[in-house]
C-alpha atoms as a PDB file:
ATOM      1  CA  MET A   1     -22.042  31.158  -5.028  1.00  0.00           C
ATOM      2  CA  ASP A   2     -20.089  31.592  -8.272  1.00  0.00           C
ATOM      3  CA  SER A   3     -17.941  34.369  -6.793  1.00  0.00           C
ATOM      4  CA  LEU A   4     -16.522  31.993  -4.127  1.00  0.00           C
ATOM      5  CA  PRO A   5     -16.690  28.557  -5.791  1.00  0.00           C
ATOM      6  CA  ASN A   6     -14.091  27.069  -3.417  1.00  0.00           C
ATOM      7  CA  ASN A   7     -15.279  28.535  -0.212  1.00  0.00           C
ATOM      8  CA  LEU A   8     -15.893  25.547   2.034  1.00  0.00           C
ATOM      9  CA  ALA A   9     -18.111  27.379   4.531  1.00  0.00           C
ATOM     10  CA  GLY A  10     -20.107  29.101   1.762  1.00  0.00           C
ATOM     11  CA  LEU A  11     -20.669  25.692   0.069  1.00  0.00           C
ATOM     12  CA  TRP A  12     -21.803  24.177   3.389  1.00  0.00           C
ATOM     13  CA  PHE A  13     -24.240  26.829   4.402  1.00  0.00           C
ATOM     14  CA  SER A  14     -25.615  27.192   0.872  1.00  0.00           C
ATOM     15  CA  ALA A  15     -26.176  23.455   0.738  1.00  0.00           C
ATOM     16  CA  ILE A  16     -28.026  23.511   4.068  1.00  0.00           C
ATOM     17  CA  LEU A  17     -30.184  26.373   2.829  1.00  0.00           C
ATOM     18  CA  TYR A  18     -31.048  24.432  -0.318  1.00  0.00           C
ATOM     19  CA  VAL A  19     -31.959  21.377   1.791  1.00  0.00           C
ATOM     20  CA  ASP A  20     -34.253  23.618   3.858  1.00  0.00           C
ATOM     21  CA  LEU A  21     -35.864  24.909   0.594  1.00  0.00           C
ATOM     22  CA  GLU A  22     -36.172  21.250  -0.574  1.00  0.00           C
ATOM     23  CA  MET A  23     -33.984  22.118  -3.578  1.00  0.00           C
ATOM     24  CA  TYR A  24     -32.207  18.839  -3.141  1.00  0.00           C
ATOM     25  CA  ASP A  25     -30.344  18.753  -6.531  1.00  0.00           C
ATOM     26  CA  LYS A  26     -28.661  22.036  -5.807  1.00  0.00           C
ATOM     27  CA  ALA A  27     -27.764  20.975  -2.240  1.00  0.00           C
ATOM     28  CA  GLN A  28     -26.319  17.667  -3.532  1.00  0.00           C
ATOM     29  CA  SER A  29     -24.256  19.459  -6.099  1.00  0.00           C
ATOM     30  CA  LEU A  30     -22.756  21.798  -3.510  1.00  0.00           C
ATOM     31  CA  LEU A  31     -22.005  18.995  -1.159  1.00  0.00           C
ATOM     32  CA  GLN A  32     -20.306  16.996  -3.880  1.00  0.00           C
ATOM     33  CA  LYS A  33     -18.190  20.024  -4.692  1.00  0.00           C
ATOM     34  CA  ARG A  34     -17.280  20.399  -1.042  1.00  0.00           C
ATOM     35  CA  ILE A  35     -16.283  16.686  -0.808  1.00  0.00           C
ATOM     36  CA  GLU A  36     -14.087  17.102  -3.949  1.00  0.00           C
ATOM     37  CA  LEU A  37     -12.316  20.049  -2.382  1.00  0.00           C
ATOM     38  CA  MET A  38     -11.869  18.390   0.995  1.00  0.00           C
ATOM     39  CA  GLY A  39     -10.914  14.885  -0.118  1.00  0.00           C
ATOM     40  CA  GLU A  40     -11.620  12.079   2.321  1.00  0.00           C
ATOM     41  CA  ASP A  41     -10.845  14.121   5.378  1.00  0.00           C
ATOM     42  CA  ASN A  42     -13.622  15.115   7.716  1.00  0.00           C
ATOM     43  CA  ILE A  43     -16.512  14.622   5.280  1.00  0.00           C
ATOM     44  CA  SER A  44     -18.915  12.896   7.750  1.00  0.00           C
ATOM     45  CA  ASP A  45     -21.323  15.890   7.896  1.00  0.00           C
ATOM     46  CA  GLU A  46     -21.519  15.829   4.100  1.00  0.00           C
ATOM     47  CA  VAL A  47     -22.205  12.126   4.063  1.00  0.00           C
ATOM     48  CA  GLY A  48     -24.966  12.537   6.625  1.00  0.00           C
ATOM     49  CA  VAL A  49     -26.683  15.284   4.734  1.00  0.00           C
ATOM     50  CA  LEU A  50     -26.391  13.386   1.434  1.00  0.00           C
ATOM     51  CA  SER A  51     -28.065  10.465   3.137  1.00  0.00           C
ATOM     52  CA  TYR A  52     -30.863  12.762   4.289  1.00  0.00           C
ATOM     53  CA  ILE A  53     -31.242  14.023   0.698  1.00  0.00           C
ATOM     54  CA  TYR A  54     -31.316  10.590  -0.843  1.00  0.00           C
ATOM     55  CA  SER A  55     -33.990   9.516   1.707  1.00  0.00           C
ATOM     56  CA  LYS A  56     -36.115  12.511   0.991  1.00  0.00           C
ATOM     57  CA  ILE A  57     -36.078  11.939  -2.772  1.00  0.00           C
ATOM     58  CA  GLY A  58     -36.905   8.217  -2.401  1.00  0.00           C
ATOM     59  CA  GLN A  59     -33.429   6.836  -3.287  1.00  0.00           C
ATOM     60  CA  THR A  60     -33.126   4.637  -0.228  1.00  0.00           C
ATOM     61  CA  ASP A  61     -30.363   2.505  -1.766  1.00  0.00           C
ATOM     62  CA  LYS A  62     -28.161   5.582  -2.175  1.00  0.00           C
ATOM     63  CA  ALA A  63     -29.101   6.686   1.369  1.00  0.00           C
ATOM     64  CA  LYS A  64     -27.991   3.343   2.672  1.00  0.00           C
ATOM     65  CA  ALA A  65     -24.781   3.572   0.643  1.00  0.00           C
ATOM     66  CA  GLN A  66     -24.025   6.804   2.362  1.00  0.00           C
ATOM     67  CA  ASN A  67     -24.719   5.210   5.668  1.00  0.00           C
ATOM     68  CA  ASN A  68     -22.362   2.387   4.739  1.00  0.00           C
ATOM     69  CA  LEU A  69     -19.708   5.058   3.807  1.00  0.00           C
ATOM     70  CA  LEU A  70     -20.173   6.703   7.200  1.00  0.00           C
ATOM     71  CA  ASP A  71     -19.640   3.401   8.948  1.00  0.00           C
ATOM     72  CA  LYS A  72     -16.533   2.788   6.855  1.00  0.00           C
ATOM     73  CA  LEU A  73     -15.163   6.186   7.806  1.00  0.00           C
ATOM     74  CA  CYS A  74     -15.803   5.406  11.470  1.00  0.00           C
ATOM     75  CA  SER A  75     -13.979   2.072  11.183  1.00  0.00           C
ATOM     76  CA  GLU A  76     -11.037   3.856   9.623  1.00  0.00           C
ATOM     77  CA  GLY A  77     -10.786   6.172  12.614  1.00  0.00           C
ATOM     78  CA  TYR A  78     -12.495   9.265  11.278  1.00  0.00           C
ATOM     79  CA  TYR A  79     -14.480  11.316  13.771  1.00  0.00           C
ATOM     80  CA  VAL A  80     -18.188  11.262  13.117  1.00  0.00           C
ATOM     81  CA  ASP A  81     -20.089  14.000  14.955  1.00  0.00           C
ATOM     82  CA  THR A  82     -23.434  13.304  16.502  1.00  0.00           C
ATOM     83  CA  ARG A  83     -25.111  15.834  14.162  1.00  0.00           C
ATOM     84  CA  THR A  84     -24.332  13.513  11.304  1.00  0.00           C
ATOM     85  CA  ARG A  85     -26.345  10.670  12.775  1.00  0.00           C
ATOM     86  CA  VAL A  86     -29.218  13.120  13.434  1.00  0.00           C
ATOM     87  CA  TRP A  87     -29.385  14.025   9.710  1.00  0.00           C
ATOM     88  CA  ILE A  88     -29.646  10.321   8.823  1.00  0.00           C
ATOM     89  CA  HIS A  89     -32.474   9.704  11.277  1.00  0.00           C
ATOM     90  CA  LEU A  90     -34.378  12.732  10.106  1.00  0.00           C
ATOM     91  CA  GLY A  91     -34.063  11.603   6.433  1.00  0.00           C
ATOM     92  CA  LEU A  92     -35.555   8.253   7.477  1.00  0.00           C
ATOM     93  CA  ASN A  93     -38.333  10.073   9.419  1.00  0.00           C
ATOM     94  CA  GLU A  94     -36.976   8.607  12.654  1.00  0.00           C
ATOM     95  CA  VAL A  95     -37.596  11.744  14.708  1.00  0.00           C
ATOM     96  CA  ASP A  96     -37.678   9.828  17.949  1.00  0.00           C
ATOM     97  CA  LYS A  97     -34.239   8.396  17.297  1.00  0.00           C
ATOM     98  CA  ALA A  98     -32.840  11.824  16.223  1.00  0.00           C
ATOM     99  CA  ILE A  99     -34.100  13.386  19.462  1.00  0.00           C
ATOM    100  CA  GLU A 100     -32.694  10.513  21.501  1.00  0.00           C
ATOM    101  CA  VAL A 101     -29.238  10.967  19.885  1.00  0.00           C
ATOM    102  CA  ILE A 102     -29.324  14.725  20.509  1.00  0.00           C
ATOM    103  CA  LYS A 103     -30.381  14.353  24.141  1.00  0.00           C
ATOM    104  CA  LYS A 104     -27.725  11.772  24.804  1.00  0.00           C
ATOM    105  CA  SER A 105     -25.019  13.906  23.174  1.00  0.00           C
ATOM    106  CA  ILE A 106     -26.112  17.020  25.108  1.00  0.00           C
ATOM    107  CA  ASP A 107     -25.944  15.007  28.353  1.00  0.00           C
ATOM    108  CA  GLU A 108     -22.443  13.853  27.331  1.00  0.00           C
ATOM    109  CA  HIS A 109     -21.429  17.440  26.378  1.00  0.00           C
ATOM    110  CA  THR A 110     -20.601  16.327  22.811  1.00  0.00           C
ATOM    111  CA  PHE A 111     -23.276  18.342  21.045  1.00  0.00           C
ATOM    112  CA  SER A 112     -23.481  22.079  20.471  1.00  0.00           C
ATOM    113  CA  PRO A 113     -27.125  23.101  20.907  1.00  0.00           C
ATOM    114  CA  GLY A 114     -26.708  25.846  18.314  1.00  0.00           C
ATOM    115  CA  PHE A 115     -26.491  23.153  15.653  1.00  0.00           C
ATOM    116  CA  LEU A 116     -30.201  22.424  16.232  1.00  0.00           C
ATOM    117  CA  ARG A 117     -31.054  25.491  14.256  1.00  0.00           C
ATOM    118  CA  LEU A 118     -29.258  24.050  11.194  1.00  0.00           C
ATOM    119  CA  TYR A 119     -31.574  21.101  10.780  1.00  0.00           C
ATOM    120  CA  PRO A 120     -34.459  21.389   8.295  1.00  0.00           C
ATOM    121  CA  ARG A 121     -37.163  23.880   9.289  1.00  0.00           C
ATOM    122  CA  GLU A 122     -39.805  21.164   8.999  1.00  0.00           C
ATOM    123  CA  TYR A 123     -38.373  19.727  12.173  1.00  0.00           C
ATOM    124  CA  VAL A 124     -36.850  22.692  13.939  1.00  0.00           C
ATOM    125  CA  GLU A 125     -39.907  24.940  13.705  1.00  0.00           C
ATOM    126  CA  ASN A 126     -42.809  22.541  13.184  1.00  0.00           C
ATOM    127  CA  ASN A 127     -42.018  19.354  15.056  1.00  0.00           C
ATOM    128  CA  THR A 128     -43.273  19.331  18.626  1.00  0.00           C
ATOM    129  CA  GLN A 129     -40.361  17.208  19.873  1.00  0.00           C
ATOM    130  CA  PHE A 130     -37.786  19.599  18.387  1.00  0.00           C
ATOM    131  CA  ILE A 131     -39.626  22.586  19.744  1.00  0.00           C
ATOM    132  CA  LYS A 132     -39.748  21.100  23.252  1.00  0.00           C
ATOM    133  CA  LEU A 133     -36.072  20.158  23.103  1.00  0.00           C
ATOM    134  CA  GLN A 134     -35.133  23.721  22.107  1.00  0.00           C
ATOM    135  CA  LYS A 135     -37.229  25.084  24.959  1.00  0.00           C
ATOM    136  CA  ASP A 136     -35.643  22.615  27.384  1.00  0.00           C
ATOM    137  CA  ILE A 137     -32.192  23.753  26.566  1.00  0.00           C
ATOM    138  CA  GLY A 138     -33.076  27.429  26.393  1.00  0.00           C
ATOM    139  CA  LEU A 139     -32.684  28.066  22.641  1.00  0.00           C
ATOM    140  CA  ILE A 140     -36.282  29.346  22.381  1.00  0.00           C
ATOM    141  CA  GLN A 141     -38.924  30.394  24.871  1.00  0.00           C
END
């Protein structure tokens, strides 16, 4: 990561990898760096993942603050992708709500099914609802 410290895509995918490895401090650091580089524009994904991290490490007040920030961004006209809301629900262990959001957005053609593989492995590979959803849309057999 040090060789490309300002590479936005590298910061994003590295942060997601660290989330998957449950190395939340490293993921949080990379997401904060990405937010600094991007400013206030289009940071909803980062806000959602930070909310997930805070929930997972038991800092529910900070998770709620991230949710409030997301609501603020929405009210200011920023686009908030469905995948952001899924991260928030997963952090709160609301798998049913996460699946519901994904299904609705797939039906509305506002969700790219490939993004399912970017969620934490504990859900994508081990949760029966996520596995069934991936089978239903043809991502896995």
